Amino acid sequence: MLERVLRRGGTEVTFVLPLDVPPGPVSVVGDFNGWQPGVHTLVPRRDGKRAVTLTLPSERTHSFRYLAAGDYWFNDESAGDREGPNSRLHT
């Protein structure tokens, strides 16, 4: 699930997943972080989910995927758009 808030200077995007599905650490990897795993790792929240929040440039399209333990790559179906194997996020 994606949560978005328009802020001055960009769009604050929170990437949200269940706490334990998939198990182990999960990071969001995309063109906004040079496709580097582990740079933006989701952390537990009080609501029983895990998340990471980034501020991205507004009025742009960003490609991303999630990477879980065991080299398990997956998409965010709530993004609503895909480009090849990647989810796409419009800010």
PDB file of N, CA and C in Angstrom:
ATOM      1  N   MET A   1       0.844  -1.169   0.000  1.00  0.00           N
ATOM      2  CA  MET A   1       0.000   0.000   0.000  1.00  0.00           C
ATOM      3  C   MET A   1       0.896   1.240   0.000  1.00  0.00           C
ATOM      4  N   LEU A   2       0.449   2.259  -0.711  1.00  0.00           N
ATOM      5  CA  LEU A   2       1.182   3.519  -0.768  1.00  0.00           C
ATOM      6  C   LEU A   2       0.348   4.613  -0.120  1.00  0.00           C
ATOM      7  N   GLU A   3       0.977   5.410   0.737  1.00  0.00           N
ATOM      8  CA  GLU A   3       0.339   6.589   1.320  1.00  0.00           C
ATOM      9  C   GLU A   3       1.082   7.798   0.776  1.00  0.00           C
ATOM     10  N   ARG A   4       0.335   8.798   0.310  1.00  0.00           N
ATOM     11  CA  ARG A   4       0.967   9.984  -0.290  1.00  0.00           C
ATOM     12  C   ARG A   4       0.450  11.256   0.353  1.00  0.00           C
ATOM     13  N   VAL A   5       1.378  12.195   0.582  1.00  0.00           N
ATOM     14  CA  VAL A   5       1.028  13.519   1.102  1.00  0.00           C
ATOM     15  C   VAL A   5       1.837  14.538   0.311  1.00  0.00           C
ATOM     16  N   LEU A   6       1.148  15.473  -0.298  1.00  0.00           N
ATOM     17  CA  LEU A   6       1.835  16.533  -1.031  1.00  0.00           C
ATOM     18  C   LEU A   6       2.435  17.513  -0.032  1.00  0.00           C
ATOM     19  N   ARG A   7       3.704  17.749  -0.145  1.00  0.00           N
ATOM     20  CA  ARG A   7       4.425  18.674   0.735  1.00  0.00           C
ATOM     21  C   ARG A   7       5.107  19.727  -0.120  1.00  0.00           C
ATOM     22  N   ARG A   8       5.480  20.795   0.515  1.00  0.00           N
ATOM     23  CA  ARG A   8       6.269  21.805  -0.182  1.00  0.00           C
ATOM     24  C   ARG A   8       7.622  21.187  -0.518  1.00  0.00           C
ATOM     25  N   GLY A   9       7.979  21.195  -1.772  1.00  0.00           N
ATOM     26  CA  GLY A   9       9.255  20.644  -2.194  1.00  0.00           C
ATOM     27  C   GLY A   9       9.214  19.182  -2.601  1.00  0.00           C
ATOM     28  N   GLY A  10       8.027  18.563  -2.608  1.00  0.00           N
ATOM     29  CA  GLY A  10       7.960  17.171  -3.049  1.00  0.00           C
ATOM     30  C   GLY A  10       6.723  16.465  -2.541  1.00  0.00           C
ATOM     31  N   THR A  11       6.654  15.198  -2.833  1.00  0.00           N
ATOM     32  CA  THR A  11       5.562  14.353  -2.376  1.00  0.00           C
ATOM     33  C   THR A  11       6.126  13.354  -1.391  1.00  0.00           C
ATOM     34  N   GLU A  12       5.558  13.326  -0.199  1.00  0.00           N
ATOM     35  CA  GLU A  12       5.962  12.363   0.819  1.00  0.00           C
ATOM     36  C   GLU A  12       5.223  11.057   0.535  1.00  0.00           C
ATOM     37  N   VAL A  13       5.964  10.010   0.269  1.00  0.00           N
ATOM     38  CA  VAL A  13       5.384   8.708  -0.060  1.00  0.00           C
ATOM     39  C   VAL A  13       5.798   7.711   1.018  1.00  0.00           C
ATOM     40  N   THR A  14       4.807   7.033   1.583  1.00  0.00           N
ATOM     41  CA  THR A  14       5.081   5.988   2.562  1.00  0.00           C
ATOM     42  C   THR A  14       4.733   4.649   1.933  1.00  0.00           C
ATOM     43  N   PHE A  15       5.708   3.771   1.886  1.00  0.00           N
ATOM     44  CA  PHE A  15       5.558   2.423   1.359  1.00  0.00           C
ATOM     45  C   PHE A  15       5.201   1.534   2.551  1.00  0.00           C
ATOM     46  N   VAL A  16       4.056   0.851   2.500  1.00  0.00           N
ATOM     47  CA  VAL A  16       3.536   0.110   3.641  1.00  0.00           C
ATOM     48  C   VAL A  16       3.273  -1.347   3.253  1.00  0.00           C
ATOM     49  N   LEU A  17       3.714  -2.272   4.113  1.00  0.00           N
ATOM     50  CA  LEU A  17       3.476  -3.702   3.934  1.00  0.00           C
ATOM     51  C   LEU A  17       3.063  -4.315   5.267  1.00  0.00           C
ATOM     52  N   PRO A  18       2.444  -5.505   5.236  1.00  0.00           N
ATOM     53  CA  PRO A  18       2.175  -6.214   6.491  1.00  0.00           C
ATOM     54  C   PRO A  18       3.493  -6.468   7.232  1.00  0.00           C
ATOM     55  N   LEU A  19       3.403  -6.635   8.535  1.00  0.00           N
ATOM     56  CA  LEU A  19       4.605  -6.779   9.355  1.00  0.00           C
ATOM     57  C   LEU A  19       5.419  -8.026   9.019  1.00  0.00           C
ATOM     58  N   ASP A  20       4.758  -9.127   8.684  1.00  0.00           N
ATOM     59  CA  ASP A  20       5.501 -10.378   8.516  1.00  0.00           C
ATOM     60  C   ASP A  20       5.266 -11.093   7.186  1.00  0.00           C
ATOM     61  N   VAL A  21       4.694 -10.423   6.203  1.00  0.00           N
ATOM     62  CA  VAL A  21       4.463 -11.031   4.883  1.00  0.00           C
ATOM     63  C   VAL A  21       5.047 -10.121   3.816  1.00  0.00           C
ATOM     64  N   PRO A  22       6.115 -10.503   3.166  1.00  0.00           N
ATOM     65  CA  PRO A  22       6.894 -11.702   3.394  1.00  0.00           C
ATOM     66  C   PRO A  22       7.752 -11.564   4.652  1.00  0.00           C
ATOM     67  N   PRO A  23       8.209 -12.705   5.190  1.00  0.00           N
ATOM     68  CA  PRO A  23       9.020 -12.649   6.414  1.00  0.00           C
ATOM     69  C   PRO A  23      10.400 -12.054   6.154  1.00  0.00           C
ATOM     70  N   GLY A  24      11.000 -11.557   7.220  1.00  0.00           N
ATOM     71  CA  GLY A  24      12.352 -11.017   7.142  1.00  0.00           C
ATOM     72  C   GLY A  24      12.377  -9.580   6.667  1.00  0.00           C
ATOM     73  N   PRO A  25      13.575  -9.030   6.537  1.00  0.00           N
ATOM     74  CA  PRO A  25      13.712  -7.634   6.115  1.00  0.00           C
ATOM     75  C   PRO A  25      13.253  -7.428   4.667  1.00  0.00           C
ATOM     76  N   VAL A  26      12.656  -6.251   4.435  1.00  0.00           N
ATOM     77  CA  VAL A  26      12.208  -5.859   3.091  1.00  0.00           C
ATOM     78  C   VAL A  26      12.643  -4.422   2.865  1.00  0.00           C
ATOM     79  N   SER A  27      13.174  -4.149   1.678  1.00  0.00           N
ATOM     80  CA  SER A  27      13.513  -2.769   1.329  1.00  0.00           C
ATOM     81  C   SER A  27      12.805  -2.397   0.036  1.00  0.00           C
ATOM     82  N   VAL A  28      12.544  -1.083  -0.108  1.00  0.00           N
ATOM     83  CA  VAL A  28      12.001  -0.574  -1.354  1.00  0.00           C
ATOM     84  C   VAL A  28      13.197  -0.120  -2.187  1.00  0.00           C
ATOM     85  N   VAL A  29      13.222  -0.567  -3.439  1.00  0.00           N
ATOM     86  CA  VAL A  29      14.361  -0.339  -4.319  1.00  0.00           C
ATOM     87  C   VAL A  29      13.823   0.262  -5.608  1.00  0.00           C
ATOM     88  N   GLY A  30      14.402   1.392  -6.040  1.00  0.00           N
ATOM     89  CA  GLY A  30      13.887   2.020  -7.240  1.00  0.00           C
ATOM     90  C   GLY A  30      14.833   3.017  -7.854  1.00  0.00           C
ATOM     91  N   ASP A  31      14.333   3.701  -8.867  1.00  0.00           N
ATOM     92  CA  ASP A  31      15.172   4.686  -9.553  1.00  0.00           C
ATOM     93  C   ASP A  31      15.530   5.855  -8.643  1.00  0.00           C
ATOM     94  N   PHE A  32      14.778   6.064  -7.572  1.00  0.00           N
ATOM     95  CA  PHE A  32      15.032   7.164  -6.639  1.00  0.00           C
ATOM     96  C   PHE A  32      16.186   6.863  -5.684  1.00  0.00           C
ATOM     97  N   ASN A  33      16.644   5.600  -5.603  1.00  0.00           N
ATOM     98  CA  ASN A  33      17.795   5.286  -4.763  1.00  0.00           C
ATOM     99  C   ASN A  33      18.845   4.472  -5.526  1.00  0.00           C
ATOM    100  N   GLY A  34      18.839   4.618  -6.843  1.00  0.00           N
ATOM    101  CA  GLY A  34      19.835   3.947  -7.671  1.00  0.00           C
ATOM    102  C   GLY A  34      19.703   2.440  -7.676  1.00  0.00           C
ATOM    103  N   TRP A  35      18.519   1.933  -7.356  1.00  0.00           N
ATOM    104  CA  TRP A  35      18.248   0.499  -7.319  1.00  0.00           C
ATOM    105  C   TRP A  35      19.172  -0.219  -6.339  1.00  0.00           C
ATOM    106  N   GLN A  36      19.494   0.446  -5.234  1.00  0.00           N
ATOM    107  CA  GLN A  36      20.379  -0.119  -4.222  1.00  0.00           C
ATOM    108  C   GLN A  36      19.580  -0.767  -3.090  1.00  0.00           C
ATOM    109  N   PRO A  37      19.619  -2.086  -2.952  1.00  0.00           N
ATOM    110  CA  PRO A  37      18.924  -2.766  -1.853  1.00  0.00           C
ATOM    111  C   PRO A  37      19.443  -2.312  -0.493  1.00  0.00           C
ATOM    112  N   GLY A  38      18.558  -2.282   0.481  1.00  0.00           N
ATOM    113  CA  GLY A  38      18.944  -1.956   1.852  1.00  0.00           C
ATOM    114  C   GLY A  38      19.025  -0.479   2.175  1.00  0.00           C
ATOM    115  N   VAL A  39      18.930   0.390   1.185  1.00  0.00           N
ATOM    116  CA  VAL A  39      19.007   1.824   1.439  1.00  0.00           C
ATOM    117  C   VAL A  39      17.748   2.312   2.168  1.00  0.00           C
ATOM    118  N   HIS A  40      16.589   1.798   1.770  1.00  0.00           N
ATOM    119  CA  HIS A  40      15.317   2.192   2.374  1.00  0.00           C
ATOM    120  C   HIS A  40      14.581   0.939   2.857  1.00  0.00           C
ATOM    121  N   THR A  41      14.941   0.490   4.047  1.00  0.00           N
ATOM    122  CA  THR A  41      14.356  -0.708   4.638  1.00  0.00           C
ATOM    123  C   THR A  41      13.109  -0.339   5.425  1.00  0.00           C
ATOM    124  N   LEU A  42      12.056  -1.112   5.245  1.00  0.00           N
ATOM    125  CA  LEU A  42      10.811  -0.877   5.966  1.00  0.00           C
ATOM    126  C   LEU A  42      10.996  -1.269   7.425  1.00  0.00           C
ATOM    127  N   VAL A  43      10.438  -0.447   8.332  1.00  0.00           N
ATOM    128  CA  VAL A  43      10.561  -0.678   9.772  1.00  0.00           C
ATOM    129  C   VAL A  43       9.164  -0.812  10.392  1.00  0.00           C
ATOM    130  N   PRO A  44       9.046  -1.538  11.498  1.00  0.00           N
ATOM    131  CA  PRO A  44       7.745  -1.734  12.140  1.00  0.00           C
ATOM    132  C   PRO A  44       7.107  -0.414  12.580  1.00  0.00           C
ATOM    133  N   ARG A  45       5.768  -0.367  12.445  1.00  0.00           N
ATOM    134  CA  ARG A  45       4.974   0.757  12.939  1.00  0.00           C
ATOM    135  C   ARG A  45       4.086   0.254  14.071  1.00  0.00           C
ATOM    136  N   ARG A  46       3.499   1.164  14.813  1.00  0.00           N
ATOM    137  CA  ARG A  46       2.608   0.810  15.920  1.00  0.00           C
ATOM    138  C   ARG A  46       1.324   0.134  15.463  1.00  0.00           C
ATOM    139  N   ASP A  47       0.936   0.335  14.196  1.00  0.00           N
ATOM    140  CA  ASP A  47      -0.325  -0.235  13.701  1.00  0.00           C
ATOM    141  C   ASP A  47      -0.197  -1.685  13.235  1.00  0.00           C
ATOM    142  N   GLY A  48       0.962  -2.314  13.497  1.00  0.00           N
ATOM    143  CA  GLY A  48       1.145  -3.711  13.116  1.00  0.00           C
ATOM    144  C   GLY A  48       1.613  -3.908  11.687  1.00  0.00           C
ATOM    145  N   LYS A  49       2.011  -2.843  11.036  1.00  0.00           N
ATOM    146  CA  LYS A  49       2.552  -2.922   9.679  1.00  0.00           C
ATOM    147  C   LYS A  49       3.993  -2.441   9.712  1.00  0.00           C
ATOM    148  N   ARG A  50       4.656  -2.481   8.580  1.00  0.00           N
ATOM    149  CA  ARG A  50       5.996  -1.902   8.477  1.00  0.00           C
ATOM    150  C   ARG A  50       6.016  -0.942   7.306  1.00  0.00           C
ATOM    151  N   ALA A  51       6.878   0.072   7.407  1.00  0.00           N
ATOM    152  CA  ALA A  51       6.843   1.134   6.404  1.00  0.00           C
ATOM    153  C   ALA A  51       8.168   1.887   6.354  1.00  0.00           C
ATOM    154  N   VAL A  52       8.320   2.626   5.266  1.00  0.00           N
ATOM    155  CA  VAL A  52       9.398   3.586   5.127  1.00  0.00           C
ATOM    156  C   VAL A  52       8.829   4.769   4.345  1.00  0.00           C
ATOM    157  N   THR A  53       9.216   5.988   4.739  1.00  0.00           N
ATOM    158  CA  THR A  53       8.706   7.206   4.105  1.00  0.00           C
ATOM    159  C   THR A  53       9.847   7.926   3.405  1.00  0.00           C
ATOM    160  N   LEU A  54       9.593   8.320   2.162  1.00  0.00           N
ATOM    161  CA  LEU A  54      10.554   9.065   1.354  1.00  0.00           C
ATOM    162  C   LEU A  54       9.880  10.313   0.807  1.00  0.00           C
ATOM    163  N   THR A  55      10.638  11.362   0.603  1.00  0.00           N
ATOM    164  CA  THR A  55      10.130  12.538  -0.096  1.00  0.00           C
ATOM    165  C   THR A  55      10.709  12.502  -1.508  1.00  0.00           C
ATOM    166  N   LEU A  56       9.799  12.412  -2.476  1.00  0.00           N
ATOM    167  CA  LEU A  56      10.194  12.307  -3.882  1.00  0.00           C
ATOM    168  C   LEU A  56       9.749  13.551  -4.637  1.00  0.00           C
ATOM    169  N   PRO A  57      10.426  13.894  -5.723  1.00  0.00           N
ATOM    170  CA  PRO A  57      10.005  15.043  -6.518  1.00  0.00           C
ATOM    171  C   PRO A  57       8.568  14.862  -7.017  1.00  0.00           C
ATOM    172  N   SER A  58       7.803  15.923  -6.955  1.00  0.00           N
ATOM    173  CA  SER A  58       6.419  15.886  -7.419  1.00  0.00           C
ATOM    174  C   SER A  58       6.352  15.922  -8.938  1.00  0.00           C
ATOM    175  N   GLU A  59       5.205  15.498  -9.444  1.00  0.00           N
ATOM    176  CA  GLU A  59       4.913  15.511 -10.875  1.00  0.00           C
ATOM    177  C   GLU A  59       5.922  14.704 -11.688  1.00  0.00           C
ATOM    178  N   ARG A  60       6.281  13.549 -11.134  1.00  0.00           N
ATOM    179  CA  ARG A  60       7.199  12.643 -11.818  1.00  0.00           C
ATOM    180  C   ARG A  60       6.671  11.219 -11.697  1.00  0.00           C
ATOM    181  N   THR A  61       7.234  10.332 -12.492  1.00  0.00           N
ATOM    182  CA  THR A  61       6.925   8.912 -12.415  1.00  0.00           C
ATOM    183  C   THR A  61       8.186   8.182 -11.975  1.00  0.00           C
ATOM    184  N   HIS A  62       8.041   7.320 -10.966  1.00  0.00           N
ATOM    185  CA  HIS A  62       9.168   6.587 -10.407  1.00  0.00           C
ATOM    186  C   HIS A  62       8.901   5.093 -10.533  1.00  0.00           C
ATOM    187  N   SER A  63       9.913   4.329 -10.915  1.00  0.00           N
ATOM    188  CA  SER A  63       9.825   2.875 -10.975  1.00  0.00           C
ATOM    189  C   SER A  63      10.429   2.300  -9.701  1.00  0.00           C
ATOM    190  N   PHE A  64       9.799   1.226  -9.178  1.00  0.00           N
ATOM    191  CA  PHE A  64      10.309   0.615  -7.955  1.00  0.00           C
ATOM    192  C   PHE A  64       9.812  -0.819  -7.830  1.00  0.00           C
ATOM    193  N   ARG A  65      10.442  -1.550  -6.930  1.00  0.00           N
ATOM    194  CA  ARG A  65      10.027  -2.898  -6.516  1.00  0.00           C
ATOM    195  C   ARG A  65      10.435  -3.060  -5.062  1.00  0.00           C
ATOM    196  N   TYR A  66       9.942  -4.116  -4.449  1.00  0.00           N
ATOM    197  CA  TYR A  66      10.374  -4.484  -3.104  1.00  0.00           C
ATOM    198  C   TYR A  66      11.340  -5.657  -3.217  1.00  0.00           C
ATOM    199  N   LEU A  67      12.297  -5.709  -2.297  1.00  0.00           N
ATOM    200  CA  LEU A  67      13.234  -6.826  -2.228  1.00  0.00           C
ATOM    201  C   LEU A  67      13.210  -7.376  -0.812  1.00  0.00           C
ATOM    202  N   ALA A  68      12.850  -8.659  -0.701  1.00  0.00           N
ATOM    203  CA  ALA A  68      12.802  -9.335   0.598  1.00  0.00           C
ATOM    204  C   ALA A  68      13.959 -10.316   0.714  1.00  0.00           C
ATOM    205  N   ALA A  69      14.080 -10.886   1.892  1.00  0.00           N
ATOM    206  CA  ALA A  69      15.120 -11.881   2.154  1.00  0.00           C
ATOM    207  C   ALA A  69      15.036 -13.009   1.127  1.00  0.00           C
ATOM    208  N   GLY A  70      16.167 -13.593   0.809  1.00  0.00           N
ATOM    209  CA  GLY A  70      16.216 -14.692  -0.146  1.00  0.00           C
ATOM    210  C   GLY A  70      16.146 -14.235  -1.586  1.00  0.00           C
ATOM    211  N   ASP A  71      16.484 -12.961  -1.829  1.00  0.00           N
ATOM    212  CA  ASP A  71      16.467 -12.392  -3.175  1.00  0.00           C
ATOM    213  C   ASP A  71      15.078 -12.479  -3.819  1.00  0.00           C
ATOM    214  N   TYR A  72      14.034 -12.273  -2.992  1.00  0.00           N
ATOM    215  CA  TYR A  72      12.645 -12.326  -3.444  1.00  0.00           C
ATOM    216  C   TYR A  72      12.182 -10.913  -3.826  1.00  0.00           C
ATOM    217  N   TRP A  73      12.040 -10.660  -5.124  1.00  0.00           N
ATOM    218  CA  TRP A  73      11.573  -9.376  -5.650  1.00  0.00           C
ATOM    219  C   TRP A  73      10.072  -9.445  -5.866  1.00  0.00           C
ATOM    220  N   PHE A  74       9.351  -8.375  -5.514  1.00  0.00           N
ATOM    221  CA  PHE A  74       7.915  -8.336  -5.768  1.00  0.00           C
ATOM    222  C   PHE A  74       7.443  -6.898  -5.945  1.00  0.00           C
ATOM    223  N   ASN A  75       6.252  -6.762  -6.510  1.00  0.00           N
ATOM    224  CA  ASN A  75       5.687  -5.452  -6.821  1.00  0.00           C
ATOM    225  C   ASN A  75       4.633  -5.039  -5.814  1.00  0.00           C
ATOM    226  N   ASP A  76       4.272  -3.774  -5.868  1.00  0.00           N
ATOM    227  CA  ASP A  76       3.198  -3.226  -5.049  1.00  0.00           C
ATOM    228  C   ASP A  76       1.970  -3.099  -5.938  1.00  0.00           C
ATOM    229  N   GLU A  77       1.005  -3.978  -5.744  1.00  0.00           N
ATOM    230  CA  GLU A  77      -0.188  -3.976  -6.586  1.00  0.00           C
ATOM    231  C   GLU A  77      -1.012  -2.698  -6.397  1.00  0.00           C
ATOM    232  N   SER A  78      -0.858  -2.013  -5.268  1.00  0.00           N
ATOM    233  CA  SER A  78      -1.617  -0.772  -5.050  1.00  0.00           C
ATOM    234  C   SER A  78      -1.070   0.394  -5.870  1.00  0.00           C
ATOM    235  N   ALA A  79       0.109   0.228  -6.467  1.00  0.00           N
ATOM    236  CA  ALA A  79       0.675   1.305  -7.282  1.00  0.00           C
ATOM    237  C   ALA A  79      -0.192   1.586  -8.497  1.00  0.00           C
ATOM    238  N   GLY A  80      -0.886   0.564  -8.987  1.00  0.00           N
ATOM    239  CA  GLY A  80      -1.835   0.760 -10.074  1.00  0.00           C
ATOM    240  C   GLY A  80      -1.244   0.868 -11.460  1.00  0.00           C
ATOM    241  N   ASP A  81       0.061   0.836 -11.578  1.00  0.00           N
ATOM    242  CA  ASP A  81       0.691   0.959 -12.892  1.00  0.00           C
ATOM    243  C   ASP A  81       1.968   0.133 -12.872  1.00  0.00           C
ATOM    244  N   ARG A  82       2.334  -0.397 -14.035  1.00  0.00           N
ATOM    245  CA  ARG A  82       3.549  -1.194 -14.155  1.00  0.00           C
ATOM    246  C   ARG A  82       4.311  -0.767 -15.391  1.00  0.00           C
ATOM    247  N   GLU A  83       5.607  -0.984 -15.329  1.00  0.00           N
ATOM    248  CA  GLU A  83       6.481  -0.774 -16.482  1.00  0.00           C
ATOM    249  C   GLU A  83       7.414  -1.964 -16.528  1.00  0.00           C
ATOM    250  N   GLY A  84       7.164  -2.874 -17.432  1.00  0.00           N
ATOM    251  CA  GLY A  84       7.944  -4.109 -17.440  1.00  0.00           C
ATOM    252  C   GLY A  84       7.736  -4.822 -16.123  1.00  0.00           C
ATOM    253  N   PRO A  85       8.828  -5.230 -15.472  1.00  0.00           N
ATOM    254  CA  PRO A  85       8.691  -5.947 -14.200  1.00  0.00           C
ATOM    255  C   PRO A  85       8.495  -5.028 -12.989  1.00  0.00           C
ATOM    256  N   ASN A  86       8.495  -3.736 -13.178  1.00  0.00           N
ATOM    257  CA  ASN A  86       8.475  -2.785 -12.066  1.00  0.00           C
ATOM    258  C   ASN A  86       7.115  -2.147 -11.836  1.00  0.00           C
ATOM    259  N   SER A  87       6.861  -1.823 -10.557  1.00  0.00           N
ATOM    260  CA  SER A  87       5.708  -0.978 -10.227  1.00  0.00           C
ATOM    261  C   SER A  87       6.081   0.458 -10.576  1.00  0.00           C
ATOM    262  N   ARG A  88       5.069   1.265 -10.878  1.00  0.00           N
ATOM    263  CA  ARG A  88       5.302   2.691 -11.159  1.00  0.00           C
ATOM    264  C   ARG A  88       4.473   3.527 -10.221  1.00  0.00           C
ATOM    265  N   LEU A  89       5.083   4.595  -9.741  1.00  0.00           N
ATOM    266  CA  LEU A  89       4.468   5.510  -8.805  1.00  0.00           C
ATOM    267  C   LEU A  89       4.440   6.896  -9.424  1.00  0.00           C
ATOM    268  N   HIS A  90       3.271   7.508  -9.481  1.00  0.00           N
ATOM    269  CA  HIS A  90       3.137   8.872 -10.006  1.00  0.00           C
ATOM    270  C   HIS A  90       2.984   9.828  -8.822  1.00  0.00           C
ATOM    271  N   THR A  91       3.888  10.797  -8.728  1.00  0.00           N
ATOM    272  CA  THR A  91       3.831  11.750  -7.602  1.00  0.00           C
ATOM    273  C   THR A  91       3.239  13.057  -8.048  1.00  0.00           C
TER     274      THR A  91
END
